[in-house]
Amino acid sequence: MRTTVTLDPDTAALLRKEVARRHVSFKQVINDAIRRGLAGLGPRKRQSVEVLAFRSAYQPGVDRRRLQQMADEIEADRDADRAMRRS
């Protein structure tokens, strides 16, 4: 495939140096450089993370999904106690 690419002067100089060093065509140097560059663009392996466990304040039988409901009930009980004391 033919295409036109405008290279920065420093990139063109690096390619010319590689042509002279390897004694291969300009086309070969460009193709090899593109292949090497694109080979590293695949999915990267995720770094593992160590998670330390700790003793939780949650008690067995407490449904963590219902904590907000429990907090609302506690607040309602507190408000009811205050209302009873005022009357």
N, C-alpha and C. Protein backbone atom coordinates (compact mmCIF):
# COMPACT_ATOMS: atom_id res chain seq x y z
N MET A 1 0.84 -1.17 0.00
CA MET A 1 0.00 0.00 0.00
C MET A 1 0.89 1.24 0.00
N ARG A 2 0.51 2.18 -0.80
CA ARG A 2 1.25 3.44 -0.83
C ARG A 2 0.48 4.49 -0.06
N THR A 3 1.22 5.28 0.69
CA THR A 3 0.61 6.40 1.41
C THR A 3 1.67 7.47 1.59
N THR A 4 1.22 8.68 1.86
CA THR A 4 2.15 9.78 2.08
C THR A 4 2.09 10.16 3.55
N VAL A 5 3.27 10.24 4.15
CA VAL A 5 3.37 10.61 5.56
C VAL A 5 4.37 11.74 5.67
N THR A 6 4.03 12.76 6.44
CA THR A 6 4.96 13.86 6.68
C THR A 6 5.66 13.59 8.00
N LEU A 7 6.97 13.41 7.93
CA LEU A 7 7.76 13.10 9.13
C LEU A 7 8.38 14.36 9.69
N ASP A 8 8.48 14.42 10.99
CA ASP A 8 9.22 15.50 11.63
C ASP A 8 10.69 15.32 11.27
N PRO A 9 11.45 16.42 11.18
CA PRO A 9 12.86 16.31 10.79
C PRO A 9 13.68 15.38 11.68
N ASP A 10 13.43 15.41 12.99
CA ASP A 10 14.21 14.54 13.88
C ASP A 10 13.87 13.06 13.65
N THR A 11 12.60 12.76 13.36
CA THR A 11 12.20 11.38 13.08
C THR A 11 12.81 10.90 11.78
N ALA A 12 12.81 11.74 10.76
CA ALA A 12 13.41 11.38 9.47
C ALA A 12 14.90 11.11 9.64
N ALA A 13 15.57 11.92 10.45
CA ALA A 13 17.00 11.72 10.69
C ALA A 13 17.26 10.38 11.38
N LEU A 14 16.42 10.04 12.36
CA LEU A 14 16.58 8.75 13.04
C LEU A 14 16.39 7.59 12.07
N LEU A 15 15.41 7.71 11.18
CA LEU A 15 15.17 6.65 10.19
C LEU A 15 16.35 6.52 9.24
N ARG A 16 16.90 7.65 8.78
CA ARG A 16 18.05 7.60 7.87
C ARG A 16 19.26 6.95 8.54
N LYS A 17 19.46 7.26 9.83
CA LYS A 17 20.57 6.65 10.56
C LYS A 17 20.38 5.14 10.66
N GLU A 18 19.14 4.70 10.88
CA GLU A 18 18.85 3.27 10.99
C GLU A 18 19.05 2.57 9.64
N VAL A 19 18.68 3.25 8.54
CA VAL A 19 18.90 2.70 7.19
C VAL A 19 20.39 2.46 6.98
N ALA A 20 21.21 3.45 7.34
CA ALA A 20 22.65 3.33 7.16
C ALA A 20 23.25 2.25 8.07
N ARG A 21 22.75 2.17 9.28
CA ARG A 21 23.29 1.20 10.24
C ARG A 21 22.96 -0.24 9.83
N ARG A 22 21.73 -0.47 9.37
CA ARG A 22 21.29 -1.83 9.06
C ARG A 22 21.49 -2.23 7.61
N HIS A 23 21.76 -1.25 6.76
CA HIS A 23 21.93 -1.51 5.31
C HIS A 23 20.68 -2.16 4.71
N VAL A 24 19.52 -1.58 5.05
CA VAL A 24 18.25 -2.03 4.48
C VAL A 24 17.53 -0.81 3.92
N SER A 25 16.41 -1.05 3.24
CA SER A 25 15.68 0.06 2.62
C SER A 25 14.95 0.91 3.67
N PHE A 26 14.67 2.14 3.26
CA PHE A 26 13.91 3.07 4.08
C PHE A 26 12.55 2.46 4.42
N LYS A 27 11.93 1.84 3.41
CA LYS A 27 10.64 1.20 3.58
C LYS A 27 10.71 0.13 4.67
N GLN A 28 11.77 -0.68 4.65
CA GLN A 28 11.92 -1.75 5.64
C GLN A 28 12.06 -1.19 7.05
N VAL A 29 12.84 -0.13 7.18
CA VAL A 29 13.03 0.48 8.51
C VAL A 29 11.71 1.03 9.04
N ILE A 30 10.95 1.70 8.18
CA ILE A 30 9.66 2.26 8.60
C ILE A 30 8.70 1.13 9.00
N ASN A 31 8.58 0.10 8.17
CA ASN A 31 7.68 -1.01 8.48
C ASN A 31 8.07 -1.69 9.80
N ASP A 32 9.36 -1.92 10.00
CA ASP A 32 9.81 -2.55 11.25
C ASP A 32 9.50 -1.68 12.46
N ALA A 33 9.73 -0.38 12.32
CA ALA A 33 9.47 0.55 13.43
C ALA A 33 7.98 0.60 13.77
N ILE A 34 7.14 0.62 12.75
CA ILE A 34 5.69 0.64 12.99
C ILE A 34 5.24 -0.66 13.65
N ARG A 35 5.75 -1.78 13.17
CA ARG A 35 5.37 -3.07 13.78
C ARG A 35 5.77 -3.12 15.26
N ARG A 36 7.00 -2.70 15.55
CA ARG A 36 7.45 -2.71 16.95
C ARG A 36 6.61 -1.76 17.80
N GLY A 37 6.31 -0.61 17.25
CA GLY A 37 5.52 0.37 18.01
C GLY A 37 4.11 -0.09 18.27
N LEU A 38 3.48 -0.69 17.27
CA LEU A 38 2.09 -1.12 17.44
C LEU A 38 1.97 -2.41 18.23
N ALA A 39 3.01 -3.21 18.28
CA ALA A 39 2.95 -4.47 19.03
C ALA A 39 2.73 -4.21 20.52
N GLY A 40 3.20 -3.10 21.03
CA GLY A 40 3.04 -2.80 22.45
C GLY A 40 1.74 -2.12 22.80
N LEU A 41 0.84 -1.95 21.84
CA LEU A 41 -0.41 -1.25 22.11
C LEU A 41 -1.55 -2.15 22.53
N GLY A 42 -1.33 -3.45 22.62
CA GLY A 42 -2.38 -4.38 23.01
C GLY A 42 -2.78 -4.20 24.46
N PRO A 43 -3.72 -5.02 24.91
CA PRO A 43 -4.14 -4.92 26.31
C PRO A 43 -2.98 -5.20 27.25
N ARG A 44 -2.89 -4.39 28.27
CA ARG A 44 -1.79 -4.54 29.23
C ARG A 44 -2.25 -5.35 30.43
N LYS A 45 -1.33 -6.10 30.99
CA LYS A 45 -1.63 -6.90 32.17
C LYS A 45 -1.82 -5.95 33.35
N ARG A 46 -2.89 -6.16 34.07
CA ARG A 46 -3.15 -5.32 35.23
C ARG A 46 -2.21 -5.69 36.37
N GLN A 47 -1.81 -4.69 37.09
CA GLN A 47 -0.93 -4.90 38.22
C GLN A 47 -1.77 -5.40 39.39
N SER A 48 -1.29 -6.42 40.08
CA SER A 48 -2.05 -6.95 41.21
C SER A 48 -1.89 -6.02 42.42
N VAL A 49 -2.93 -6.00 43.23
CA VAL A 49 -2.94 -5.15 44.41
C VAL A 49 -3.27 -6.03 45.62
N GLU A 50 -2.52 -5.87 46.68
CA GLU A 50 -2.79 -6.64 47.89
C GLU A 50 -3.77 -5.86 48.76
N VAL A 51 -4.85 -6.53 49.16
CA VAL A 51 -5.86 -5.91 50.01
C VAL A 51 -5.77 -6.56 51.38
N LEU A 52 -5.56 -5.74 52.39
CA LEU A 52 -5.44 -6.26 53.74
C LEU A 52 -6.81 -6.31 54.41
N ALA A 53 -7.11 -7.43 55.04
CA ALA A 53 -8.38 -7.57 55.75
C ALA A 53 -8.25 -6.97 57.14
N PHE A 54 -9.36 -6.51 57.68
CA PHE A 54 -9.37 -5.98 59.04
C PHE A 54 -10.68 -6.38 59.71
N ARG A 55 -10.67 -6.35 61.02
CA ARG A 55 -11.86 -6.71 61.77
C ARG A 55 -12.88 -5.59 61.58
N SER A 56 -14.08 -5.97 61.21
CA SER A 56 -15.13 -5.00 60.90
C SER A 56 -16.04 -4.79 62.10
N ALA A 57 -16.64 -3.64 62.15
CA ALA A 57 -17.62 -3.35 63.20
C ALA A 57 -18.96 -4.00 62.91
N TYR A 58 -19.17 -4.48 61.70
CA TYR A 58 -20.43 -5.14 61.35
C TYR A 58 -20.55 -6.45 62.11
N GLN A 59 -21.73 -6.72 62.59
CA GLN A 59 -22.00 -7.95 63.32
C GLN A 59 -22.67 -8.96 62.40
N PRO A 60 -22.49 -10.25 62.67
CA PRO A 60 -23.18 -11.25 61.86
C PRO A 60 -24.69 -11.01 61.91
N GLY A 61 -25.33 -11.16 60.78
CA GLY A 61 -26.77 -10.96 60.71
C GLY A 61 -27.17 -9.56 60.29
N VAL A 62 -26.24 -8.63 60.24
CA VAL A 62 -26.55 -7.27 59.80
C VAL A 62 -26.46 -7.24 58.28
N ASP A 63 -27.56 -6.87 57.67
CA ASP A 63 -27.59 -6.79 56.21
C ASP A 63 -27.04 -5.42 55.80
N ARG A 64 -25.90 -5.40 55.22
CA ARG A 64 -25.25 -4.14 54.85
C ARG A 64 -26.10 -3.32 53.89
N ARG A 65 -26.94 -3.99 53.13
CA ARG A 65 -27.80 -3.26 52.18
C ARG A 65 -28.92 -2.52 52.90
N ARG A 66 -29.20 -2.89 54.16
CA ARG A 66 -30.29 -2.26 54.90
C ARG A 66 -29.78 -1.26 55.93
N LEU A 67 -28.53 -0.91 55.90
CA LEU A 67 -27.98 0.00 56.90
C LEU A 67 -28.66 1.37 56.87
N GLN A 68 -28.97 1.88 55.69
CA GLN A 68 -29.64 3.18 55.62
C GLN A 68 -31.03 3.10 56.25
N GLN A 69 -31.73 2.02 55.99
CA GLN A 69 -33.06 1.83 56.59
C GLN A 69 -32.93 1.78 58.11
N MET A 70 -31.92 1.08 58.61
CA MET A 70 -31.71 1.00 60.06
C MET A 70 -31.40 2.38 60.63
N ALA A 71 -30.58 3.16 59.93
CA ALA A 71 -30.25 4.51 60.39
C ALA A 71 -31.50 5.37 60.43
N ASP A 72 -32.37 5.24 59.44
CA ASP A 72 -33.62 6.00 59.42
C ASP A 72 -34.51 5.60 60.59
N GLU A 73 -34.57 4.31 60.89
CA GLU A 73 -35.39 3.83 62.01
C GLU A 73 -34.86 4.35 63.34
N ILE A 74 -33.55 4.35 63.51
CA ILE A 74 -32.94 4.86 64.74
C ILE A 74 -33.25 6.34 64.90
N GLU A 75 -33.13 7.09 63.81
CA GLU A 75 -33.43 8.52 63.86
C GLU A 75 -34.90 8.76 64.19
N ALA A 76 -35.79 7.97 63.61
CA ALA A 76 -37.22 8.11 63.89
C ALA A 76 -37.51 7.80 65.36
N ASP A 77 -36.88 6.76 65.90
CA ASP A 77 -37.06 6.43 67.32
C ASP A 77 -36.57 7.57 68.20
N ARG A 78 -35.44 8.15 67.87
CA ARG A 78 -34.88 9.26 68.64
C ARG A 78 -35.82 10.46 68.61
N ASP A 79 -36.35 10.76 67.43
CA ASP A 79 -37.29 11.88 67.30
C ASP A 79 -38.56 11.61 68.09
N ALA A 80 -39.03 10.37 68.09
CA ALA A 80 -40.23 10.02 68.86
C ALA A 80 -39.97 10.17 70.35
N ASP A 81 -38.79 9.76 70.82
CA ASP A 81 -38.44 9.92 72.24
C ASP A 81 -38.42 11.39 72.62
N ARG A 82 -37.87 12.24 71.78
CA ARG A 82 -37.82 13.68 72.06
C ARG A 82 -39.23 14.25 72.13
N ALA A 83 -40.08 13.83 71.22
CA ALA A 83 -41.46 14.33 71.21
C ALA A 83 -42.19 13.90 72.47
N MET A 84 -41.95 12.68 72.94
CA MET A 84 -42.61 12.18 74.15
C MET A 84 -42.15 12.98 75.37
N ARG A 85 -40.88 13.33 75.43
CA ARG A 85 -40.35 14.09 76.57
C ARG A 85 -40.93 15.50 76.61
N ARG A 86 -41.20 16.07 75.46
CA ARG A 86 -41.73 17.44 75.39
C ARG A 86 -43.19 17.50 75.83
N SER A 87 -43.92 16.44 75.63
CA SER A 87 -45.35 16.50 75.93
C SER A 87 -45.69 16.15 77.35
